[in-house]
Structure formats: structure tokens, C-alpha cells
Amino acid sequence: MENKNKSLNKGAKNRMLIPGFVSEVAFDLLIELSSVHSIKIINALHDYLVLGDDRKIACERYGANSSYFSIALGRLFRTNQIVSQLASYYGEQERFF
């Protein structure tokens, strides 16, 4: 499993989720793929990642638990890494068809 994680992290730095620079479309797709279902957390994550608001303010605005926010943010980061790897994989596969 360690080798899989190393290859999964390869190039992931170029595809990081930077607060304030995540598009609405990308955010919606990541939420759809993730296991995050709490509307409070989703709204707080949206304001943090898409709008660039401070995480504490975003959590307070929606009454979201800051600990669960951090866990959900980690899940989105992981989902983003997997999607990035899949995108590059499918990009390579298209060259052979």
C-alpha cells in the first residue's frame, strides 16, 4: 500500500485545493464524490475553499463543528488527489486509443 500512496502523492502538490481559488464547479464535483453530507460543513467548506473566507468564520457562520470541518477538509483533499491521479491516468490512456 505504501507504493500506491507514494504514486498517488506524485504531482499532487500541483493540484492542491487553495482556499479562495477553487471553482464552484470543482467544489460541487468534489462534494458529490466525497463522503461529506452535513449541509453545515458543506457550506463552511464552500465559503473557505471557493470564497476564501477564514475557516473559523465560515464554521461560526453555519454553526459547523471546527473539528469535523478539519476532518471533512482532509477528505476533500484526499478526494482531490485521487481525482487528479485519475485525470492524468485517463489522459495517458487517450493517447493509445
N, C-alpha and C. Protein backbone atom coordinates (compact mmCIF):
# COMPACT_ATOMS: atom_id res chain seq x y z
N MET A 1 0.82 -1.20 0.00
CA MET A 1 0.00 0.00 0.00
C MET A 1 0.87 1.26 0.00
N GLU A 2 2.05 1.17 0.57
CA GLU A 2 2.92 2.34 0.65
C GLU A 2 3.29 2.85 -0.74
N ASN A 3 3.59 1.94 -1.68
CA ASN A 3 3.93 2.35 -3.03
C ASN A 3 2.76 3.05 -3.71
N LYS A 4 1.55 2.58 -3.47
CA LYS A 4 0.37 3.23 -4.05
C LYS A 4 0.23 4.65 -3.53
N ASN A 5 0.47 4.84 -2.22
CA ASN A 5 0.36 6.17 -1.65
C ASN A 5 1.42 7.10 -2.20
N LYS A 6 2.64 6.58 -2.43
CA LYS A 6 3.69 7.41 -3.00
C LYS A 6 3.32 7.85 -4.40
N SER A 7 2.81 6.92 -5.20
CA SER A 7 2.43 7.30 -6.57
C SER A 7 1.22 8.22 -6.57
N LEU A 8 0.36 8.07 -5.59
CA LEU A 8 -0.81 8.93 -5.50
C LEU A 8 -0.42 10.35 -5.16
N ASN A 9 0.63 10.51 -4.37
CA ASN A 9 1.08 11.84 -3.97
C ASN A 9 1.94 12.50 -5.04
N LYS A 10 2.42 11.74 -6.00
CA LYS A 10 3.26 12.28 -7.06
C LYS A 10 2.46 13.30 -7.86
N GLY A 11 2.94 14.52 -7.90
CA GLY A 11 2.27 15.56 -8.65
C GLY A 11 1.08 16.19 -7.94
N ALA A 12 0.76 15.71 -6.76
CA ALA A 12 -0.42 16.23 -6.05
C ALA A 12 -0.23 17.68 -5.61
N LYS A 13 1.02 18.09 -5.40
CA LYS A 13 1.27 19.46 -4.96
C LYS A 13 0.81 20.46 -6.01
N ASN A 14 0.84 20.07 -7.28
CA ASN A 14 0.42 20.96 -8.35
C ASN A 14 -1.09 21.07 -8.43
N ARG A 15 -1.80 20.22 -7.72
CA ARG A 15 -3.26 20.19 -7.80
C ARG A 15 -3.90 20.38 -6.43
N MET A 16 -3.28 21.19 -5.61
CA MET A 16 -3.78 21.41 -4.26
C MET A 16 -5.06 22.24 -4.28
N LEU A 17 -5.84 22.08 -3.25
CA LEU A 17 -7.03 22.91 -3.06
C LEU A 17 -6.59 24.15 -2.28
N ILE A 18 -6.52 25.27 -2.95
CA ILE A 18 -6.08 26.51 -2.32
C ILE A 18 -7.31 27.35 -1.98
N PRO A 19 -7.47 27.69 -0.70
CA PRO A 19 -8.64 28.48 -0.30
C PRO A 19 -8.78 29.75 -1.13
N GLY A 20 -9.98 29.96 -1.65
CA GLY A 20 -10.26 31.13 -2.46
C GLY A 20 -10.02 30.93 -3.94
N PHE A 21 -9.43 29.79 -4.32
CA PHE A 21 -9.10 29.54 -5.72
C PHE A 21 -9.74 28.27 -6.28
N VAL A 22 -10.71 27.72 -5.58
CA VAL A 22 -11.42 26.53 -6.05
C VAL A 22 -12.70 27.01 -6.73
N SER A 23 -12.93 26.55 -7.95
CA SER A 23 -14.13 26.98 -8.68
C SER A 23 -15.38 26.33 -8.08
N GLU A 24 -16.51 26.96 -8.34
CA GLU A 24 -17.80 26.42 -7.89
C GLU A 24 -18.01 25.01 -8.45
N VAL A 25 -17.70 24.84 -9.73
CA VAL A 25 -17.90 23.55 -10.39
C VAL A 25 -17.02 22.48 -9.76
N ALA A 26 -15.74 22.78 -9.58
CA ALA A 26 -14.82 21.81 -8.98
C ALA A 26 -15.27 21.46 -7.57
N PHE A 27 -15.68 22.46 -6.80
CA PHE A 27 -16.14 22.21 -5.43
C PHE A 27 -17.35 21.29 -5.43
N ASP A 28 -18.33 21.60 -6.26
CA ASP A 28 -19.55 20.78 -6.32
C ASP A 28 -19.24 19.34 -6.70
N LEU A 29 -18.34 19.15 -7.64
CA LEU A 29 -17.97 17.79 -8.05
C LEU A 29 -17.24 17.04 -6.94
N LEU A 30 -16.34 17.71 -6.25
CA LEU A 30 -15.62 17.07 -5.15
C LEU A 30 -16.58 16.68 -4.02
N ILE A 31 -17.52 17.56 -3.71
CA ILE A 31 -18.51 17.24 -2.67
C ILE A 31 -19.34 16.03 -3.10
N GLU A 32 -19.71 15.99 -4.37
CA GLU A 32 -20.50 14.87 -4.89
C GLU A 32 -19.76 13.55 -4.74
N LEU A 33 -18.46 13.57 -4.94
CA LEU A 33 -17.65 12.35 -4.85
C LEU A 33 -17.26 11.99 -3.42
N SER A 34 -17.29 12.97 -2.54
CA SER A 34 -16.81 12.74 -1.17
C SER A 34 -17.90 12.11 -0.30
N SER A 35 -17.49 11.80 0.93
CA SER A 35 -18.44 11.23 1.89
C SER A 35 -18.97 12.30 2.84
N VAL A 36 -18.82 13.56 2.46
CA VAL A 36 -19.30 14.67 3.29
C VAL A 36 -20.76 14.93 2.96
N HIS A 37 -21.63 14.89 3.98
CA HIS A 37 -23.07 15.06 3.76
C HIS A 37 -23.69 16.18 4.60
N SER A 38 -23.01 16.63 5.62
CA SER A 38 -23.56 17.67 6.50
C SER A 38 -23.63 19.00 5.75
N ILE A 39 -24.82 19.56 5.65
CA ILE A 39 -25.00 20.83 4.94
C ILE A 39 -24.23 21.96 5.62
N LYS A 40 -24.13 21.91 6.95
CA LYS A 40 -23.36 22.93 7.67
C LYS A 40 -21.89 22.89 7.26
N ILE A 41 -21.35 21.68 7.20
CA ILE A 41 -19.94 21.51 6.83
C ILE A 41 -19.73 21.86 5.36
N ILE A 42 -20.63 21.43 4.50
CA ILE A 42 -20.52 21.72 3.07
C ILE A 42 -20.53 23.24 2.85
N ASN A 43 -21.44 23.94 3.52
CA ASN A 43 -21.49 25.40 3.37
C ASN A 43 -20.22 26.07 3.88
N ALA A 44 -19.72 25.60 5.03
CA ALA A 44 -18.49 26.17 5.58
C ALA A 44 -17.30 25.88 4.67
N LEU A 45 -17.23 24.65 4.14
CA LEU A 45 -16.16 24.30 3.21
C LEU A 45 -16.23 25.16 1.95
N HIS A 46 -17.44 25.39 1.47
CA HIS A 46 -17.64 26.23 0.29
C HIS A 46 -17.08 27.63 0.53
N ASP A 47 -17.47 28.23 1.64
CA ASP A 47 -17.02 29.59 1.92
C ASP A 47 -15.51 29.65 2.10
N TYR A 48 -14.93 28.61 2.66
CA TYR A 48 -13.48 28.55 2.87
C TYR A 48 -12.74 28.33 1.55
N LEU A 49 -13.15 27.32 0.78
CA LEU A 49 -12.41 26.95 -0.42
C LEU A 49 -12.74 27.81 -1.64
N VAL A 50 -14.00 28.16 -1.81
CA VAL A 50 -14.41 28.91 -3.00
C VAL A 50 -14.30 30.42 -2.78
N LEU A 51 -14.80 30.88 -1.65
CA LEU A 51 -14.81 32.33 -1.38
C LEU A 51 -13.54 32.82 -0.70
N GLY A 52 -12.80 31.90 -0.06
CA GLY A 52 -11.56 32.28 0.60
C GLY A 52 -11.74 32.84 2.00
N ASP A 53 -12.90 32.60 2.60
CA ASP A 53 -13.15 33.06 3.97
C ASP A 53 -12.28 32.30 4.96
N ASP A 54 -12.04 32.90 6.11
CA ASP A 54 -11.32 32.25 7.19
C ASP A 54 -12.13 31.04 7.67
N ARG A 55 -11.45 29.95 7.95
CA ARG A 55 -12.17 28.72 8.34
C ARG A 55 -12.97 28.90 9.63
N LYS A 56 -12.42 29.64 10.59
CA LYS A 56 -13.14 29.85 11.85
C LYS A 56 -14.43 30.64 11.61
N ILE A 57 -14.34 31.67 10.79
CA ILE A 57 -15.52 32.49 10.48
C ILE A 57 -16.56 31.66 9.73
N ALA A 58 -16.09 30.86 8.75
CA ALA A 58 -17.01 30.03 7.97
C ALA A 58 -17.73 29.03 8.87
N CYS A 59 -17.01 28.42 9.81
CA CYS A 59 -17.63 27.46 10.73
C CYS A 59 -18.64 28.15 11.64
N GLU A 60 -18.28 29.31 12.16
CA GLU A 60 -19.20 30.05 13.03
C GLU A 60 -20.46 30.47 12.28
N ARG A 61 -20.30 30.90 11.03
CA ARG A 61 -21.43 31.36 10.22
C ARG A 61 -22.51 30.30 10.09
N TYR A 62 -22.08 29.03 9.94
CA TYR A 62 -23.04 27.95 9.71
C TYR A 62 -23.23 27.04 10.92
N GLY A 63 -22.58 27.35 12.02
CA GLY A 63 -22.70 26.52 13.21
C GLY A 63 -22.05 25.16 13.03
N ALA A 64 -20.99 25.12 12.21
CA ALA A 64 -20.29 23.86 11.93
C ALA A 64 -19.22 23.61 12.98
N ASN A 65 -19.06 22.37 13.38
CA ASN A 65 -18.03 21.97 14.33
C ASN A 65 -16.67 22.05 13.64
N SER A 66 -15.74 22.80 14.25
CA SER A 66 -14.43 23.01 13.62
C SER A 66 -13.61 21.73 13.50
N SER A 67 -13.80 20.80 14.43
CA SER A 67 -13.08 19.52 14.34
C SER A 67 -13.58 18.70 13.16
N TYR A 68 -14.90 18.65 13.00
CA TYR A 68 -15.46 17.91 11.87
C TYR A 68 -15.13 18.61 10.55
N PHE A 69 -15.08 19.94 10.58
CA PHE A 69 -14.67 20.70 9.40
C PHE A 69 -13.29 20.25 8.95
N SER A 70 -12.35 20.13 9.89
CA SER A 70 -10.99 19.71 9.55
C SER A 70 -10.96 18.31 8.97
N ILE A 71 -11.75 17.42 9.54
CA ILE A 71 -11.83 16.04 9.02
C ILE A 71 -12.40 16.05 7.61
N ALA A 72 -13.47 16.81 7.40
CA ALA A 72 -14.11 16.88 6.08
C ALA A 72 -13.17 17.52 5.06
N LEU A 73 -12.41 18.52 5.48
CA LEU A 73 -11.45 19.16 4.58
C LEU A 73 -10.38 18.15 4.15
N GLY A 74 -9.93 17.33 5.09
CA GLY A 74 -8.98 16.27 4.76
C GLY A 74 -9.56 15.28 3.76
N ARG A 75 -10.83 14.96 3.92
CA ARG A 75 -11.50 14.06 2.97
C ARG A 75 -11.55 14.67 1.58
N LEU A 76 -11.83 15.97 1.51
CA LEU A 76 -11.85 16.64 0.20
C LEU A 76 -10.46 16.68 -0.42
N PHE A 77 -9.43 16.93 0.40
CA PHE A 77 -8.06 16.91 -0.12
C PHE A 77 -7.73 15.53 -0.70
N ARG A 78 -8.10 14.50 0.02
CA ARG A 78 -7.84 13.13 -0.44
C ARG A 78 -8.63 12.83 -1.72
N THR A 79 -9.88 13.23 -1.77
CA THR A 79 -10.69 13.03 -2.98
C THR A 79 -10.07 13.77 -4.15
N ASN A 80 -9.60 14.99 -3.90
CA ASN A 80 -8.96 15.78 -4.95
C ASN A 80 -7.70 15.09 -5.48
N GLN A 81 -6.91 14.51 -4.59
CA GLN A 81 -5.70 13.79 -5.01
C GLN A 81 -6.06 12.61 -5.90
N ILE A 82 -7.06 11.86 -5.51
CA ILE A 82 -7.48 10.69 -6.29
C ILE A 82 -7.99 11.11 -7.65
N VAL A 83 -8.81 12.16 -7.69
CA VAL A 83 -9.34 12.65 -8.97
C VAL A 83 -8.20 13.13 -9.86
N SER A 84 -7.23 13.81 -9.29
CA SER A 84 -6.08 14.28 -10.07
C SER A 84 -5.32 13.12 -10.68
N GLN A 85 -5.14 12.07 -9.90
CA GLN A 85 -4.45 10.89 -10.42
C GLN A 85 -5.26 10.23 -11.52
N LEU A 86 -6.55 10.12 -11.32
CA LEU A 86 -7.42 9.53 -12.35
C LEU A 86 -7.39 10.35 -13.63
N ALA A 87 -7.41 11.67 -13.50
CA ALA A 87 -7.40 12.54 -14.67
C ALA A 87 -6.13 12.33 -15.48
N SER A 88 -4.99 12.25 -14.80
CA SER A 88 -3.74 12.03 -15.54
C SER A 88 -3.70 10.63 -16.12
N TYR A 89 -4.26 9.65 -15.42
CA TYR A 89 -4.32 8.28 -15.93
C TYR A 89 -5.15 8.23 -17.21
N TYR A 90 -6.33 8.82 -17.17
CA TYR A 90 -7.19 8.79 -18.34
C TYR A 90 -6.60 9.62 -19.47
N GLY A 91 -5.89 10.68 -19.14
CA GLY A 91 -5.21 11.47 -20.16
C GLY A 91 -4.17 10.64 -20.89
N GLU A 92 -3.42 9.81 -20.16
CA GLU A 92 -2.42 8.93 -20.78
C GLU A 92 -3.09 7.85 -21.61
N GLN A 93 -4.21 7.32 -21.14
CA GLN A 93 -4.90 6.25 -21.86
C GLN A 93 -5.44 6.73 -23.20
N GLU A 94 -5.87 7.98 -23.29
CA GLU A 94 -6.43 8.50 -24.53
C GLU A 94 -5.42 8.48 -25.66
N ARG A 95 -4.14 8.58 -25.34
CA ARG A 95 -3.10 8.57 -26.37
C ARG A 95 -3.02 7.23 -27.08
N PHE A 96 -3.50 6.18 -26.44
CA PHE A 96 -3.38 4.84 -27.01
C PHE A 96 -4.62 4.41 -27.78
N PHE A 97 -5.67 5.20 -27.80
CA PHE A 97 -6.91 4.82 -28.48
C PHE A 97 -7.09 5.57 -29.77
